[in-house]
Every structure is written in structure tokens, then in C-alpha cells.
Amino acid sequence: MKKTALKCLEIGIESVNYIIIDYALSNMTMMFQSNPLFILFFASKVWLIGYYWRRIRDLTGSRILSAALLIACFAIHIGMLYWIGREAA
């Protein structure tokens, strides 16, 4: 029971971190869309998606559950971009 609770807590922390970091990288990507630095931030976003999926897959042991969590977190991230918007520098 304690092991399951710790895994759930770790999944929650990883998910919140993913959402916040992906939101920040999205803002930077949009800010530099006409600059060569765009490639760096976009590549970081792609790496972050792969890292999050692998980490959640290792924690849950299920590809389907990890994909569902990735989709849910990505939807929250898109919602944040839509309702909060892009942060201006």
C-alpha cells in the first residue's frame, strides 16, 4: 500500500513538472520562432515528451496508461497556453 502511494505521488510530481516545463519551453519556442534558437527549444520539447513517457512507463509498467497520462498532461499544457496565454518577455 505504501509503495503504491509513493508511486502515485511520484507520478503526480513528474506530471506537474512536465506540464510546467513544457509550458515554459512552449513560451520560449514561440518567442524565438524567427530565431535559430527556436530549434534548440523545440528539440528540448521533443526530448521532454520522450523523457516523461519513459519515466511514467517505468513507474506504471503500462504503455497504455503512460500514453493516457501523456495525452492528459499535454491537453492540460495546451489548455494553459490557450487560457493563460503566451508570456511576453
PDB file of N, CA and C in Angstrom:
ATOM      1  N   MET A   1       0.818  -1.193   0.000  1.00  0.00           N
ATOM      2  CA  MET A   1       0.000   0.000   0.000  1.00  0.00           C
ATOM      3  C   MET A   1       0.868   1.265   0.000  1.00  0.00           C
ATOM      4  N   LYS A   2       1.904   1.260   0.852  1.00  0.00           N
ATOM      5  CA  LYS A   2       2.785   2.416   0.935  1.00  0.00           C
ATOM      6  C   LYS A   2       3.555   2.601  -0.367  1.00  0.00           C
ATOM      7  N   LYS A   3       3.946   1.478  -0.995  1.00  0.00           N
ATOM      8  CA  LYS A   3       4.684   1.544  -2.252  1.00  0.00           C
ATOM      9  C   LYS A   3       3.817   2.140  -3.363  1.00  0.00           C
ATOM     10  N   THR A   4       2.540   1.764  -3.384  1.00  0.00           N
ATOM     11  CA  THR A   4       1.609   2.299  -4.378  1.00  0.00           C
ATOM     12  C   THR A   4       1.398   3.794  -4.175  1.00  0.00           C
ATOM     13  N   ALA A   5       1.265   4.212  -2.919  1.00  0.00           N
ATOM     14  CA  ALA A   5       1.078   5.632  -2.630  1.00  0.00           C
ATOM     15  C   ALA A   5       2.299   6.440  -3.067  1.00  0.00           C
ATOM     16  N   LEU A   6       3.487   5.887  -2.843  1.00  0.00           N
ATOM     17  CA  LEU A   6       4.701   6.586  -3.261  1.00  0.00           C
ATOM     18  C   LEU A   6       4.790   6.695  -4.781  1.00  0.00           C
ATOM     19  N   LYS A   7       4.379   5.627  -5.480  1.00  0.00           N
ATOM     20  CA  LYS A   7       4.385   5.683  -6.944  1.00  0.00           C
ATOM     21  C   LYS A   7       3.395   6.721  -7.450  1.00  0.00           C
ATOM     22  N   CYS A   8       2.210   6.774  -6.847  1.00  0.00           N
ATOM     23  CA  CYS A   8       1.216   7.772  -7.251  1.00  0.00           C
ATOM     24  C   CYS A   8       1.723   9.188  -7.005  1.00  0.00           C
ATOM     25  N   LEU A   9       2.377   9.389  -5.875  1.00  0.00           N
ATOM     26  CA  LEU A   9       2.949  10.696  -5.572  1.00  0.00           C
ATOM     27  C   LEU A   9       4.032  11.059  -6.582  1.00  0.00           C
ATOM     28  N   GLU A  10       4.888  10.103  -6.908  1.00  0.00           N
ATOM     29  CA  GLU A  10       5.946  10.357  -7.872  1.00  0.00           C
ATOM     30  C   GLU A  10       5.379  10.647  -9.263  1.00  0.00           C
ATOM     31  N   ILE A  11       4.337   9.929  -9.650  1.00  0.00           N
ATOM     32  CA  ILE A  11       3.689  10.189 -10.939  1.00  0.00           C
ATOM     33  C   ILE A  11       3.095  11.597 -10.951  1.00  0.00           C
ATOM     34  N   GLY A  12       2.479  11.995  -9.842  1.00  0.00           N
ATOM     35  CA  GLY A  12       1.917  13.346  -9.745  1.00  0.00           C
ATOM     36  C   GLY A  12       2.981  14.416  -9.853  1.00  0.00           C
ATOM     37  N   ILE A  13       4.091  14.225  -9.164  1.00  0.00           N
ATOM     38  CA  ILE A  13       5.184  15.199  -9.212  1.00  0.00           C
ATOM     39  C   ILE A  13       5.789  15.276 -10.607  1.00  0.00           C
ATOM     40  N   GLU A  14       6.017  14.116 -11.223  1.00  0.00           N
ATOM     41  CA  GLU A  14       6.553  14.092 -12.595  1.00  0.00           C
ATOM     42  C   GLU A  14       5.595  14.794 -13.561  1.00  0.00           C
ATOM     43  N   SER A  15       4.297  14.590 -13.384  1.00  0.00           N
ATOM     44  CA  SER A  15       3.306  15.194 -14.273  1.00  0.00           C
ATOM     45  C   SER A  15       3.271  16.707 -14.126  1.00  0.00           C
ATOM     46  N   VAL A  16       3.293  17.192 -12.890  1.00  0.00           N
ATOM     47  CA  VAL A  16       3.302  18.640 -12.666  1.00  0.00           C
ATOM     48  C   VAL A  16       4.581  19.251 -13.241  1.00  0.00           C
ATOM     49  N   ASN A  17       5.704  18.602 -13.018  1.00  0.00           N
ATOM     50  CA  ASN A  17       6.961  19.097 -13.586  1.00  0.00           C
ATOM     51  C   ASN A  17       6.900  19.140 -15.105  1.00  0.00           C
ATOM     52  N   TYR A  18       6.361  18.083 -15.708  1.00  0.00           N
ATOM     53  CA  TYR A  18       6.244  18.042 -17.169  1.00  0.00           C
ATOM     54  C   TYR A  18       5.393  19.205 -17.679  1.00  0.00           C
ATOM     55  N   ILE A  19       4.263  19.427 -17.050  1.00  0.00           N
ATOM     56  CA  ILE A  19       3.353  20.481 -17.506  1.00  0.00           C
ATOM     57  C   ILE A  19       4.021  21.852 -17.392  1.00  0.00           C
ATOM     58  N   ILE A  20       4.659  22.128 -16.278  1.00  0.00           N
ATOM     59  CA  ILE A  20       5.289  23.437 -16.066  1.00  0.00           C
ATOM     60  C   ILE A  20       6.462  23.651 -17.024  1.00  0.00           C
ATOM     61  N   ILE A  21       7.319  22.651 -17.152  1.00  0.00           N
ATOM     62  CA  ILE A  21       8.491  22.797 -18.028  1.00  0.00           C
ATOM     63  C   ILE A  21       8.060  22.888 -19.492  1.00  0.00           C
ATOM     64  N   ASP A  22       7.060  22.089 -19.893  1.00  0.00           N
ATOM     65  CA  ASP A  22       6.589  22.146 -21.278  1.00  0.00           C
ATOM     66  C   ASP A  22       5.946  23.493 -21.581  1.00  0.00           C
ATOM     67  N   TYR A  23       5.215  24.060 -20.608  1.00  0.00           N
ATOM     68  CA  TYR A  23       4.627  25.387 -20.783  1.00  0.00           C
ATOM     69  C   TYR A  23       5.724  26.439 -20.969  1.00  0.00           C
ATOM     70  N   ALA A  24       6.763  26.359 -20.145  1.00  0.00           N
ATOM     71  CA  ALA A  24       7.866  27.324 -20.262  1.00  0.00           C
ATOM     72  C   ALA A  24       8.593  27.172 -21.600  1.00  0.00           C
ATOM     73  N   LEU A  25       8.838  25.925 -22.011  1.00  0.00           N
ATOM     74  CA  LEU A  25       9.509  25.707 -23.295  1.00  0.00           C
ATOM     75  C   LEU A  25       8.637  26.167 -24.461  1.00  0.00           C
ATOM     76  N   SER A  26       7.323  25.997 -24.340  1.00  0.00           N
ATOM     77  CA  SER A  26       6.421  26.479 -25.395  1.00  0.00           C
ATOM     78  C   SER A  26       6.497  27.990 -25.523  1.00  0.00           C
ATOM     79  N   ASN A  27       6.540  28.677 -24.386  1.00  0.00           N
ATOM     80  CA  ASN A  27       6.671  30.140 -24.422  1.00  0.00           C
ATOM     81  C   ASN A  27       7.976  30.557 -25.077  1.00  0.00           C
ATOM     82  N   MET A  28       9.056  29.872 -24.732  1.00  0.00           N
ATOM     83  CA  MET A  28      10.344  30.206 -25.330  1.00  0.00           C
ATOM     84  C   MET A  28      10.354  29.879 -26.825  1.00  0.00           C
ATOM     85  N   THR A  29       9.733  28.773 -27.200  1.00  0.00           N
ATOM     86  CA  THR A  29       9.669  28.407 -28.615  1.00  0.00           C
ATOM     87  C   THR A  29       8.915  29.466 -29.408  1.00  0.00           C
ATOM     88  N   MET A  30       7.783  29.930 -28.864  1.00  0.00           N
ATOM     89  CA  MET A  30       7.014  30.961 -29.564  1.00  0.00           C
ATOM     90  C   MET A  30       7.758  32.289 -29.602  1.00  0.00           C
ATOM     91  N   MET A  31       8.501  32.581 -28.545  1.00  0.00           N
ATOM     92  CA  MET A  31       9.239  33.843 -28.502  1.00  0.00           C
ATOM     93  C   MET A  31      10.356  33.868 -29.549  1.00  0.00           C
ATOM     94  N   PHE A  32      10.984  32.726 -29.793  1.00  0.00           N
ATOM     95  CA  PHE A  32      12.119  32.663 -30.713  1.00  0.00           C
ATOM     96  C   PHE A  32      11.751  32.032 -32.056  1.00  0.00           C
ATOM     97  N   GLN A  33      10.487  32.121 -32.471  1.00  0.00           N
ATOM     98  CA  GLN A  33      10.092  31.412 -33.684  1.00  0.00           C
ATOM     99  C   GLN A  33      10.765  31.942 -34.952  1.00  0.00           C
ATOM    100  N   SER A  34      11.287  33.132 -34.939  1.00  0.00           N
ATOM    101  CA  SER A  34      12.013  33.639 -36.113  1.00  0.00           C
ATOM    102  C   SER A  34      13.515  33.712 -35.848  1.00  0.00           C
ATOM    103  N   ASN A  35      13.986  32.947 -34.893  1.00  0.00           N
ATOM    104  CA  ASN A  35      15.382  32.957 -34.476  1.00  0.00           C
ATOM    105  C   ASN A  35      15.900  31.518 -34.532  1.00  0.00           C
ATOM    106  N   PRO A  36      17.177  31.321 -34.840  1.00  0.00           N
ATOM    107  CA  PRO A  36      17.717  29.954 -34.846  1.00  0.00           C
ATOM    108  C   PRO A  36      17.614  29.237 -33.489  1.00  0.00           C
ATOM    109  N   LEU A  37      17.462  29.976 -32.398  1.00  0.00           N
ATOM    110  CA  LEU A  37      17.285  29.342 -31.085  1.00  0.00           C
ATOM    111  C   LEU A  37      15.983  28.541 -31.002  1.00  0.00           C
ATOM    112  N   PHE A  38      15.075  28.797 -31.929  1.00  0.00           N
ATOM    113  CA  PHE A  38      13.826  28.042 -31.999  1.00  0.00           C
ATOM    114  C   PHE A  38      14.106  26.541 -32.043  1.00  0.00           C
ATOM    115  N   ILE A  39      15.112  26.156 -32.808  1.00  0.00           N
ATOM    116  CA  ILE A  39      15.459  24.737 -32.966  1.00  0.00           C
ATOM    117  C   ILE A  39      15.839  24.132 -31.625  1.00  0.00           C
ATOM    118  N   LEU A  40      16.597  24.847 -30.822  1.00  0.00           N
ATOM    119  CA  LEU A  40      17.021  24.363 -29.516  1.00  0.00           C
ATOM    120  C   LEU A  40      15.830  24.124 -28.593  1.00  0.00           C
ATOM    121  N   PHE A  41      14.931  25.088 -28.513  1.00  0.00           N
ATOM    122  CA  PHE A  41      13.784  24.942 -27.621  1.00  0.00           C
ATOM    123  C   PHE A  41      12.802  23.890 -28.128  1.00  0.00           C
ATOM    124  N   PHE A  42      12.631  23.803 -29.437  1.00  0.00           N
ATOM    125  CA  PHE A  42      11.738  22.777 -29.981  1.00  0.00           C
ATOM    126  C   PHE A  42      12.313  21.383 -29.730  1.00  0.00           C
ATOM    127  N   ALA A  43      13.618  21.225 -29.917  1.00  0.00           N
ATOM    128  CA  ALA A  43      14.257  19.935 -29.647  1.00  0.00           C
ATOM    129  C   ALA A  43      14.146  19.583 -28.161  1.00  0.00           C
ATOM    130  N   SER A  44      14.231  20.562 -27.297  1.00  0.00           N
ATOM    131  CA  SER A  44      14.072  20.318 -25.865  1.00  0.00           C
ATOM    132  C   SER A  44      12.664  19.848 -25.539  1.00  0.00           C
ATOM    133  N   LYS A  45      11.671  20.404 -26.224  1.00  0.00           N
ATOM    134  CA  LYS A  45      10.289  19.959 -26.028  1.00  0.00           C
ATOM    135  C   LYS A  45      10.118  18.504 -26.455  1.00  0.00           C
ATOM    136  N   VAL A  46      10.708  18.130 -27.576  1.00  0.00           N
ATOM    137  CA  VAL A  46      10.615  16.750 -28.061  1.00  0.00           C
ATOM    138  C   VAL A  46      11.303  15.804 -27.083  1.00  0.00           C
ATOM    139  N   TRP A  47      12.476  16.194 -26.580  1.00  0.00           N
ATOM    140  CA  TRP A  47      13.181  15.368 -25.605  1.00  0.00           C
ATOM    141  C   TRP A  47      12.369  15.211 -24.326  1.00  0.00           C
ATOM    142  N   LEU A  48      11.741  16.293 -23.879  1.00  0.00           N
ATOM    143  CA  LEU A  48      10.948  16.260 -22.655  1.00  0.00           C
ATOM    144  C   LEU A  48       9.761  15.306 -22.781  1.00  0.00           C
ATOM    145  N   ILE A  49       9.112  15.292 -23.927  1.00  0.00           N
ATOM    146  CA  ILE A  49       7.990  14.368 -24.141  1.00  0.00           C
ATOM    147  C   ILE A  49       8.466  12.927 -24.042  1.00  0.00           C
ATOM    148  N   GLY A  50       9.584  12.610 -24.684  1.00  0.00           N
ATOM    149  CA  GLY A  50      10.131  11.257 -24.619  1.00  0.00           C
ATOM    150  C   GLY A  50      10.554  10.870 -23.217  1.00  0.00           C
ATOM    151  N   TYR A  51      11.185  11.798 -22.504  1.00  0.00           N
ATOM    152  CA  TYR A  51      11.624  11.524 -21.138  1.00  0.00           C
ATOM    153  C   TYR A  51      10.432  11.254 -20.227  1.00  0.00           C
ATOM    154  N   TYR A  52       9.416  12.108 -20.327  1.00  0.00           N
ATOM    155  CA  TYR A  52       8.230  11.938 -19.472  1.00  0.00           C
ATOM    156  C   TYR A  52       7.560  10.602 -19.758  1.00  0.00           C
ATOM    157  N   TRP A  53       7.388  10.255 -21.013  1.00  0.00           N
ATOM    158  CA  TRP A  53       6.721   8.995 -21.353  1.00  0.00           C
ATOM    159  C   TRP A  53       7.501   7.796 -20.815  1.00  0.00           C
ATOM    160  N   ARG A  54       8.814   7.795 -20.998  1.00  0.00           N
ATOM    161  CA  ARG A  54       9.633   6.687 -20.484  1.00  0.00           C
ATOM    162  C   ARG A  54       9.575   6.603 -18.966  1.00  0.00           C
ATOM    163  N   ARG A  55       9.640   7.733 -18.294  1.00  0.00           N
ATOM    164  CA  ARG A  55       9.614   7.753 -16.824  1.00  0.00           C
ATOM    165  C   ARG A  55       8.287   7.225 -16.289  1.00  0.00           C
ATOM    166  N   ILE A  56       7.190   7.671 -16.878  1.00  0.00           N
ATOM    167  CA  ILE A  56       5.873   7.208 -16.438  1.00  0.00           C
ATOM    168  C   ILE A  56       5.677   5.740 -16.799  1.00  0.00           C
ATOM    169  N   ARG A  57       6.183   5.307 -17.949  1.00  0.00           N
ATOM    170  CA  ARG A  57       6.084   3.891 -18.318  1.00  0.00           C
ATOM    171  C   ARG A  57       6.844   3.021 -17.328  1.00  0.00           C
ATOM    172  N   ASP A  58       8.009   3.476 -16.891  1.00  0.00           N
ATOM    173  CA  ASP A  58       8.774   2.733 -15.896  1.00  0.00           C
ATOM    174  C   ASP A  58       8.046   2.675 -14.553  1.00  0.00           C
ATOM    175  N   LEU A  59       7.381   3.755 -14.180  1.00  0.00           N
ATOM    176  CA  LEU A  59       6.677   3.786 -12.900  1.00  0.00           C
ATOM    177  C   LEU A  59       5.400   2.950 -12.921  1.00  0.00           C
ATOM    178  N   THR A  60       4.667   3.005 -14.034  1.00  0.00           N
ATOM    179  CA  THR A  60       3.388   2.293 -14.097  1.00  0.00           C
ATOM    180  C   THR A  60       3.526   0.878 -14.628  1.00  0.00           C
ATOM    181  N   GLY A  61       4.505   0.653 -15.487  1.00  0.00           N
ATOM    182  CA  GLY A  61       4.657  -0.657 -16.106  1.00  0.00           C
ATOM    183  C   GLY A  61       3.668  -0.892 -17.236  1.00  0.00           C
ATOM    184  N   SER A  62       2.984   0.158 -17.675  1.00  0.00           N
ATOM    185  CA  SER A  62       1.969   0.027 -18.716  1.00  0.00           C
ATOM    186  C   SER A  62       2.162   1.107 -19.774  1.00  0.00           C
ATOM    187  N   ARG A  63       2.249   0.675 -21.010  1.00  0.00           N
ATOM    188  CA  ARG A  63       2.381   1.648 -22.106  1.00  0.00           C
ATOM    189  C   ARG A  63       1.083   2.417 -22.323  1.00  0.00           C
ATOM    190  N   ILE A  64      -0.030   1.743 -22.160  1.00  0.00           N
ATOM    191  CA  ILE A  64      -1.332   2.386 -22.388  1.00  0.00           C
ATOM    192  C   ILE A  64      -1.580   3.462 -21.338  1.00  0.00           C
ATOM    193  N   LEU A  65      -1.330   3.146 -20.078  1.00  0.00           N
ATOM    194  CA  LEU A  65      -1.533   4.123 -19.009  1.00  0.00           C
ATOM    195  C   LEU A  65      -0.568   5.293 -19.156  1.00  0.00           C
ATOM    196  N   SER A  66       0.663   5.014 -19.519  1.00  0.00           N
ATOM    197  CA  SER A  66       1.627   6.108 -19.685  1.00  0.00           C
ATOM    198  C   SER A  66       1.247   7.000 -20.865  1.00  0.00           C
ATOM    199  N   ALA A  67       0.736   6.403 -21.944  1.00  0.00           N
ATOM    200  CA  ALA A  67       0.282   7.208 -23.080  1.00  0.00           C
ATOM    201  C   ALA A  67      -0.936   8.047 -22.697  1.00  0.00           C
ATOM    202  N   ALA A  68      -1.842   7.471 -21.907  1.00  0.00           N
ATOM    203  CA  ALA A  68      -3.027   8.219 -21.469  1.00  0.00           C
ATOM    204  C   ALA A  68      -2.630   9.397 -20.577  1.00  0.00           C
ATOM    205  N   LEU A  69      -1.679   9.180 -19.679  1.00  0.00           N
ATOM    206  CA  LEU A  69      -1.203  10.272 -18.826  1.00  0.00           C
ATOM    207  C   LEU A  69      -0.494  11.350 -19.647  1.00  0.00           C
ATOM    208  N   LEU A  70       0.276  10.936 -20.646  1.00  0.00           N
ATOM    209  CA  LEU A  70       0.949  11.901 -21.510  1.00  0.00           C
ATOM    210  C   LEU A  70      -0.073  12.743 -22.269  1.00  0.00           C
ATOM    211  N   ILE A  71      -1.099  12.108 -22.784  1.00  0.00           N
ATOM    212  CA  ILE A  71      -2.145  12.838 -23.511  1.00  0.00           C
ATOM    213  C   ILE A  71      -2.873  13.804 -22.584  1.00  0.00           C
ATOM    214  N   ALA A  72      -3.174  13.353 -21.359  1.00  0.00           N
ATOM    215  CA  ALA A  72      -3.868  14.217 -20.401  1.00  0.00           C
ATOM    216  C   ALA A  72      -3.005  15.422 -20.029  1.00  0.00           C
ATOM    217  N   CYS A  73      -1.737  15.197 -19.756  1.00  0.00           N
ATOM    218  CA  CYS A  73      -0.839  16.299 -19.406  1.00  0.00           C
ATOM    219  C   CYS A  73      -0.638  17.247 -20.585  1.00  0.00           C
ATOM    220  N   PHE A  74      -0.554  16.690 -21.781  1.00  0.00           N
ATOM    221  CA  PHE A  74      -0.408  17.538 -22.967  1.00  0.00           C
ATOM    222  C   PHE A  74      -1.655  18.400 -23.154  1.00  0.00           C
ATOM    223  N   ALA A  75      -2.825  17.819 -22.898  1.00  0.00           N
ATOM    224  CA  ALA A  75      -4.073  18.589 -23.011  1.00  0.00           C
ATOM    225  C   ALA A  75      -4.111  19.716 -21.975  1.00  0.00           C
ATOM    226  N   ILE A  76      -3.654  19.453 -20.765  1.00  0.00           N
ATOM    227  CA  ILE A  76      -3.587  20.499 -19.743  1.00  0.00           C
ATOM    228  C   ILE A  76      -2.617  21.600 -20.171  1.00  0.00           C
ATOM    229  N   HIS A  77      -1.492  21.202 -20.741  1.00  0.00           N
ATOM    230  CA  HIS A  77      -0.495  22.162 -21.232  1.00  0.00           C
ATOM    231  C   HIS A  77      -1.094  23.034 -22.329  1.00  0.00           C
ATOM    232  N   ILE A  78      -1.797  22.436 -23.264  1.00  0.00           N
ATOM    233  CA  ILE A  78      -2.437  23.210 -24.339  1.00  0.00           C
ATOM    234  C   ILE A  78      -3.504  24.139 -23.756  1.00  0.00           C
ATOM    235  N   GLY A  79      -4.247  23.644 -22.770  1.00  0.00           N
ATOM    236  CA  GLY A  79      -5.241  24.492 -22.106  1.00  0.00           C
ATOM    237  C   GLY A  79      -4.608  25.687 -21.431  1.00  0.00           C
ATOM    238  N   MET A  80      -3.462  25.476 -20.800  1.00  0.00           N
ATOM    239  CA  MET A  80      -2.750  26.592 -20.181  1.00  0.00           C
ATOM    240  C   MET A  80      -2.315  27.612 -21.224  1.00  0.00           C
ATOM    241  N   LEU A  81      -1.837  27.133 -22.364  1.00  0.00           N
ATOM    242  CA  LEU A  81      -1.440  28.066 -23.429  1.00  0.00           C
ATOM    243  C   LEU A  81      -2.641  28.844 -23.953  1.00  0.00           C
ATOM    244  N   TYR A  82      -3.796  28.174 -24.004  1.00  0.00           N
ATOM    245  CA  TYR A  82      -4.995  28.828 -24.527  1.00  0.00           C
ATOM    246  C   TYR A  82      -5.554  29.851 -23.537  1.00  0.00           C
ATOM    247  N   TRP A  83      -5.708  29.448 -22.266  1.00  0.00           N
ATOM    248  CA  TRP A  83      -6.356  30.336 -21.299  1.00  0.00           C
ATOM    249  C   TRP A  83      -5.399  31.302 -20.624  1.00  0.00           C
ATOM    250  N   ILE A  84      -4.205  30.883 -20.320  1.00  0.00           N
ATOM    251  CA  ILE A  84      -3.235  31.791 -19.698  1.00  0.00           C
ATOM    252  C   ILE A  84      -2.537  32.602 -20.770  1.00  0.00           C
ATOM    253  N   GLY A  85      -2.228  31.947 -21.876  1.00  0.00           N
ATOM    254  CA  GLY A  85      -1.609  32.630 -22.997  1.00  0.00           C
ATOM    255  C   GLY A  85      -0.099  32.584 -22.953  1.00  0.00           C
ATOM    256  N   ARG A  86       0.463  33.192 -23.928  1.00  0.00           N
ATOM    257  CA  ARG A  86       1.917  33.263 -24.048  1.00  0.00           C
ATOM    258  C   ARG A  86       2.407  34.403 -23.177  1.00  0.00           C
ATOM    259  N   GLU A  87       3.414  34.126 -22.407  1.00  0.00           N
ATOM    260  CA  GLU A  87       4.016  35.151 -21.549  1.00  0.00           C
ATOM    261  C   GLU A  87       4.972  35.992 -22.390  1.00  0.00           C
ATOM    262  N   ALA A  88       4.808  37.270 -22.344  1.00  0.00           N
ATOM    263  CA  ALA A  88       5.686  38.172 -23.086  1.00  0.00           C
ATOM    264  C   ALA A  88       6.943  38.446 -22.280  1.00  0.00           C
ATOM    265  N   ALA A  89       8.036  38.535 -22.971  1.00  0.00           N
ATOM    266  CA  ALA A  89       9.297  38.806 -22.270  1.00  0.00           C
ATOM    267  C   ALA A  89       9.601  40.275 -22.241  1.00  0.00           C
TER     268      ALA A  89
END
